[in-house]
Amino acid sequence: MNDPTIPNYPVVHVTVQPDGSAHVNAAGDHQNYPAADVDETRERVLAYAIAVATRLGRGVRMTTVDPDGEWKLGVYPDGEVVDLAPAPPKGRTAAKVSTSRPPAGAVIKGEPSAPSKESPTVVLERTTDRTVIAPRAPRQPHQPGTPVATLKFSTGETAIIGPPAIIGRNPSALAADVAGAQLIVVSDRSRTVSRMHADVAWVGGKLTVSDRGAGNGTSITRPSTGQFDLTPGKPYELLDGDLLHIGPDVACAVAISYLQGETAQ
């Protein structure tokens, strides 16, 4: 199929190598991904494409070449991915990741809960029993552009921050307090994460986090300074490469990339 509603520019060009390393180019914004499991790399570059679509508020074209073949895809802000051309004989078909419409800025894995207009909730599927994420060194500075933040939780959830977000075990518990917010539900069998644990938002071009007075607290591990606790109610800036601790058992890797100005229209 072909979707004529998707403009021809920008196109997210992706090349994935057999060792799982990848290069992405979206209108001059170049991203390099180190060697890893190929399926994991595919998820990361798809999350990047969804971030581009989210920032533009429409679908974008994505061409990807990897060890299984070459695809021309349409990627939409709600996480839906469709083939724009037939897949190669030996390749994988592009499945629809999601067909419902969550709040802008969220990446969905699995089936989301039905969002209400006043208080949309995104429930993200647990994809692994445990993901160990180590702090990584900050990336080299990018050219100025539109910032995109991806949060990857040790419990398997992944989210892209668009509107102000509330992270917690059940952030919709107090409906009056979450109207208009992006809700990120974290799987937590140990119940160490509070129902409404922390707020994350873009403020003046900076990504900030503040603890909501959670019983088990919130902290940040930064490669340059080590771990420090957050004072409830006080916003702290999150940097690329930070590890955000939501209580004692759940960690969240923070990745910030930048889209060139011409792509953020």
Protein backbone atom coordinates (compact mmCIF):
# COMPACT_ATOMS: atom_id res chain seq x y z
CA MET A 1 0.00 0.00 0.00
CA ASN A 2 0.98 3.65 -0.21
CA ASP A 3 -0.27 6.50 1.97
CA PRO A 4 -0.45 9.72 -0.06
CA THR A 5 -1.18 11.70 3.11
CA ILE A 6 2.43 11.27 4.26
CA PRO A 7 4.66 14.00 2.75
CA ASN A 8 7.85 12.89 1.03
CA TYR A 9 9.99 14.89 3.48
CA PRO A 10 11.50 14.13 5.86
CA VAL A 11 12.34 10.46 5.39
CA VAL A 12 13.89 8.48 8.23
CA HIS A 13 16.68 6.41 6.61
CA VAL A 14 17.83 3.41 8.68
CA THR A 15 20.64 0.93 8.07
CA VAL A 16 21.03 -1.98 10.51
CA GLN A 17 24.20 -4.09 10.29
CA PRO A 18 24.37 -7.85 11.03
CA ASP A 19 26.03 -7.11 14.39
CA GLY A 20 23.05 -4.98 15.46
CA SER A 21 24.77 -1.62 15.04
CA ALA A 22 22.78 0.96 13.11
CA HIS A 23 22.86 4.40 11.53
CA VAL A 24 19.82 6.66 11.26
CA ASN A 25 19.53 9.84 9.23
CA ALA A 26 16.44 12.06 9.38
CA ALA A 27 16.91 15.28 7.41
CA GLY A 28 20.51 15.65 8.51
CA ASP A 29 20.06 14.46 12.09
CA HIS A 30 22.44 11.50 12.29
CA GLN A 31 22.20 8.90 15.06
CA ASN A 32 24.55 5.94 15.54
CA TYR A 33 23.60 2.87 17.59
CA PRO A 34 26.24 0.46 18.93
CA ALA A 35 26.28 -3.28 18.25
CA ALA A 36 23.44 -5.07 20.06
CA ASP A 37 20.74 -7.65 19.51
CA VAL A 38 19.23 -6.90 16.08
CA ASP A 39 15.63 -7.02 17.36
CA GLU A 40 16.49 -4.58 20.16
CA THR A 41 18.10 -2.22 17.66
CA ARG A 42 15.00 -2.41 15.47
CA GLU A 43 12.89 -1.36 18.45
CA ARG A 44 15.21 1.57 19.20
CA VAL A 45 15.24 2.94 15.65
CA LEU A 46 11.46 2.49 15.42
CA ALA A 47 11.08 4.47 18.67
CA TYR A 48 13.20 7.21 17.07
CA ALA A 49 10.94 7.28 13.98
CA ILE A 50 7.83 7.46 16.18
CA ALA A 51 9.45 10.40 18.02
CA VAL A 52 9.90 12.20 14.68
CA ALA A 53 6.25 11.52 13.76
CA THR A 54 5.12 12.70 17.21
CA ARG A 55 7.03 15.96 16.94
CA LEU A 56 5.61 16.62 13.45
CA GLY A 57 2.11 15.52 14.45
CA ARG A 58 1.71 13.27 11.40
CA GLY A 59 2.99 10.13 9.74
CA VAL A 60 6.52 9.97 8.35
CA ARG A 61 8.17 7.74 5.78
CA MET A 62 10.87 5.35 6.93
CA THR A 63 13.20 3.29 4.75
CA THR A 64 15.09 0.56 6.55
CA VAL A 65 17.74 -1.86 5.36
CA ASP A 66 18.80 -4.66 7.69
CA PRO A 67 20.06 -8.27 7.46
CA ASP A 68 16.56 -9.50 6.54
CA GLY A 69 15.93 -7.13 3.64
CA GLU A 70 14.67 -3.66 2.79
CA TRP A 71 11.35 -1.97 3.68
CA LYS A 72 9.50 1.23 2.98
CA LEU A 73 7.26 1.95 5.95
CA GLY A 74 4.82 4.51 7.23
CA VAL A 75 5.25 5.38 10.92
CA TYR A 76 2.58 7.31 12.80
CA PRO A 77 2.53 9.25 16.11
CA ASP A 78 0.25 6.62 17.73
CA GLY A 79 2.86 3.90 17.14
CA GLU A 80 1.19 2.36 14.08
CA VAL A 81 3.59 0.99 11.45
CA VAL A 82 2.43 -0.08 7.98
CA ASP A 83 4.07 -1.25 4.76
CA LEU A 84 4.21 1.38 2.03
CA ALA A 85 5.61 -1.19 -0.42
CA PRO A 86 5.63 -5.01 -0.56
CA ALA A 87 8.14 -6.62 1.79
CA PRO A 88 11.01 -8.60 0.18
CA PRO A 89 10.50 -12.38 -0.13
CA LYS A 90 12.85 -13.28 2.71
CA GLY A 91 11.89 -10.34 4.90
CA ARG A 92 9.53 -9.75 7.74
CA THR A 93 6.17 -8.09 7.20
CA ALA A 94 5.54 -4.85 9.03
CA ALA A 95 2.76 -5.39 11.55
CA LYS A 96 0.59 -2.66 12.96
CA VAL A 97 2.07 -1.83 16.33
CA SER A 98 -1.04 -0.02 17.49
CA THR A 99 -4.30 1.13 16.00
CA SER A 100 -5.75 3.12 18.92
CA ARG A 101 -4.78 6.71 19.60
CA PRO A 102 -2.91 7.38 22.85
CA PRO A 103 -1.73 10.85 23.92
CA ALA A 104 0.96 12.34 21.71
CA GLY A 105 4.49 11.42 22.77
CA ALA A 106 3.90 7.85 23.96
CA VAL A 107 5.39 4.69 22.52
CA ILE A 108 3.13 1.67 22.91
CA LYS A 109 4.18 -1.97 23.17
CA GLY A 110 1.16 -4.22 23.22
CA GLU A 111 -2.44 -3.20 23.69
CA PRO A 112 -3.13 0.16 25.41
CA SER A 113 -6.02 0.78 27.72
CA ALA A 114 -8.87 2.84 26.30
CA PRO A 115 -7.89 6.49 26.88
CA SER A 116 -10.41 9.07 28.02
CA LYS A 117 -10.27 12.56 26.57
CA GLU A 118 -9.69 14.19 29.93
CA SER A 119 -7.23 11.73 31.40
CA PRO A 120 -5.57 9.47 28.81
CA THR A 121 -3.79 6.47 30.28
CA VAL A 122 -1.15 4.47 28.43
CA VAL A 123 -0.49 0.96 29.75
CA LEU A 124 2.75 -0.38 28.36
CA GLU A 125 3.37 -4.12 28.09
CA ARG A 126 6.09 -5.75 30.18
CA THR A 127 8.45 -7.24 27.60
CA THR A 128 11.03 -8.89 29.84
CA ASP A 129 11.25 -10.28 33.34
CA ARG A 130 14.14 -8.00 34.14
CA THR A 131 16.21 -5.60 32.09
CA VAL A 132 19.51 -4.50 33.56
CA ILE A 133 20.39 -1.02 32.39
CA ALA A 134 23.78 0.46 33.24
CA PRO A 135 24.50 4.21 33.16
CA ARG A 136 26.21 5.27 29.95
CA ALA A 137 28.46 8.15 29.12
CA PRO A 138 26.75 11.28 27.75
CA ARG A 139 26.69 11.59 23.99
CA GLN A 140 28.65 14.20 22.15
CA PRO A 141 26.78 17.51 21.80
CA HIS A 142 24.32 17.63 18.93
CA GLN A 143 23.57 20.50 16.62
CA PRO A 144 20.69 22.63 17.95
CA GLY A 145 17.31 21.09 17.24
CA THR A 146 14.10 19.83 18.78
CA PRO A 147 14.82 17.60 21.82
CA VAL A 148 13.24 14.15 22.04
CA ALA A 149 13.36 12.16 25.30
CA THR A 150 13.01 8.39 25.46
CA LEU A 151 12.58 6.66 28.83
CA LYS A 152 13.35 2.94 28.99
CA PHE A 153 12.36 1.24 32.24
CA SER A 154 14.02 -1.83 33.75
CA THR A 155 10.54 -3.40 33.94
CA GLY A 156 10.25 -3.37 30.14
CA GLU A 157 8.22 -0.22 29.43
CA THR A 158 9.40 2.42 26.98
CA ALA A 159 7.88 5.89 26.61
CA ILE A 160 8.63 9.07 24.70
CA ILE A 161 7.91 12.25 26.64
CA GLY A 162 5.68 14.73 24.84
CA PRO A 163 3.18 16.42 27.17
CA PRO A 164 3.91 16.53 30.92
CA ALA A 165 3.90 12.97 32.25
CA ILE A 166 3.15 11.25 35.55
CA ILE A 167 5.03 8.03 36.31
CA GLY A 168 3.58 5.56 38.76
CA ARG A 169 2.08 2.18 39.54
CA ASN A 170 -1.46 3.50 39.00
CA PRO A 171 -1.30 7.23 38.13
CA SER A 172 -4.97 7.36 37.16
CA ALA A 173 -6.01 6.61 40.75
CA LEU A 174 -6.66 10.30 41.46
CA ALA A 175 -8.44 11.42 38.30
CA ALA A 176 -8.76 15.04 39.37
CA ASP A 177 -4.98 15.34 39.58
CA VAL A 178 -4.09 13.95 36.14
CA ALA A 179 -6.35 15.78 33.68
CA GLY A 180 -4.43 16.37 30.45
CA ALA A 181 -1.30 14.54 31.61
CA GLN A 182 0.48 11.70 29.85
CA LEU A 183 0.27 8.74 32.23
CA ILE A 184 3.06 6.16 32.27
CA VAL A 185 2.07 2.98 34.09
CA VAL A 186 5.03 1.00 35.45
CA SER A 187 4.73 -2.74 36.12
CA ASP A 188 5.65 -3.23 39.78
CA ARG A 189 4.82 -6.52 41.48
CA SER A 190 6.85 -5.57 44.54
CA ARG A 191 4.70 -2.43 45.02
CA THR A 192 7.72 -0.27 45.74
CA VAL A 193 6.54 2.31 43.18
CA SER A 194 3.87 4.73 44.43
CA ARG A 195 0.61 5.06 42.55
CA MET A 196 1.70 8.57 41.49
CA HIS A 197 5.46 8.58 41.98
CA ALA A 198 7.11 11.32 39.89
CA ASP A 199 6.43 14.04 37.31
CA VAL A 200 8.49 14.41 34.11
CA ALA A 201 8.08 17.41 31.80
CA TRP A 202 9.81 19.65 29.29
CA VAL A 203 10.41 23.07 30.86
CA GLY A 204 12.20 25.74 28.87
CA GLY A 205 13.77 23.16 26.56
CA LYS A 206 15.05 21.08 29.49
CA LEU A 207 13.72 17.70 30.66
CA THR A 208 12.87 17.85 34.36
CA VAL A 209 11.73 15.35 36.99
CA SER A 210 10.24 15.93 40.42
CA ASP A 211 9.34 13.46 43.17
CA ARG A 212 5.69 13.54 44.28
CA GLY A 213 6.51 12.67 47.86
CA ALA A 214 6.71 8.96 47.04
CA GLY A 215 7.15 6.65 50.02
CA ASN A 216 10.31 5.03 48.59
CA GLY A 217 11.74 8.17 47.07
CA THR A 218 13.29 9.03 43.71
CA SER A 219 16.96 9.40 42.81
CA ILE A 220 19.25 9.93 39.82
CA THR A 221 22.52 8.19 38.96
CA ARG A 222 24.70 10.40 36.74
CA PRO A 223 27.97 9.10 35.27
CA SER A 224 29.82 12.30 36.22
CA THR A 225 28.52 12.70 39.80
CA GLY A 226 27.14 9.35 40.99
CA GLN A 227 23.75 8.85 42.67
CA PHE A 228 21.78 11.55 44.50
CA ASP A 229 18.29 11.70 46.01
CA LEU A 230 15.57 14.09 44.90
CA THR A 231 13.86 16.47 47.32
CA PRO A 232 10.07 15.99 46.98
CA GLY A 233 8.41 18.75 44.99
CA LYS A 234 11.68 20.17 43.64
CA PRO A 235 12.32 19.81 39.88
CA TYR A 236 15.69 18.43 38.74
CA GLU A 237 17.04 18.46 35.20
CA LEU A 238 17.48 15.05 33.54
CA LEU A 239 20.45 14.65 31.20
CA ASP A 240 21.13 12.21 28.41
CA GLY A 241 22.68 9.09 29.96
CA ASP A 242 21.09 9.56 33.40
CA LEU A 243 19.57 6.60 35.21
CA LEU A 244 16.36 7.57 37.03
CA HIS A 245 15.48 5.38 40.04
CA ILE A 246 11.75 5.10 40.77
CA GLY A 247 11.97 3.62 44.27
CA PRO A 248 14.55 0.92 45.13
CA ASP A 249 13.64 -1.68 42.47
CA VAL A 250 12.77 0.17 39.25
CA ALA A 251 15.28 2.10 37.12
CA CYS A 252 14.77 4.13 33.97
CA ALA A 253 17.44 4.96 31.37
CA VAL A 254 17.14 8.47 29.93
CA ALA A 255 18.09 9.11 26.29
CA ILE A 256 17.79 12.59 24.75
CA SER A 257 18.30 13.16 21.04
CA TYR A 258 17.77 16.22 18.85
CA LEU A 259 15.87 16.65 15.61
CA GLN A 260 17.13 19.26 13.19
CA GLY A 261 15.01 22.41 13.12
CA GLU A 262 13.65 21.78 9.63
CA THR A 263 12.07 18.50 10.77
CA ALA A 264 10.21 20.05 13.70
CA GLN A 265 7.52 21.98 11.93
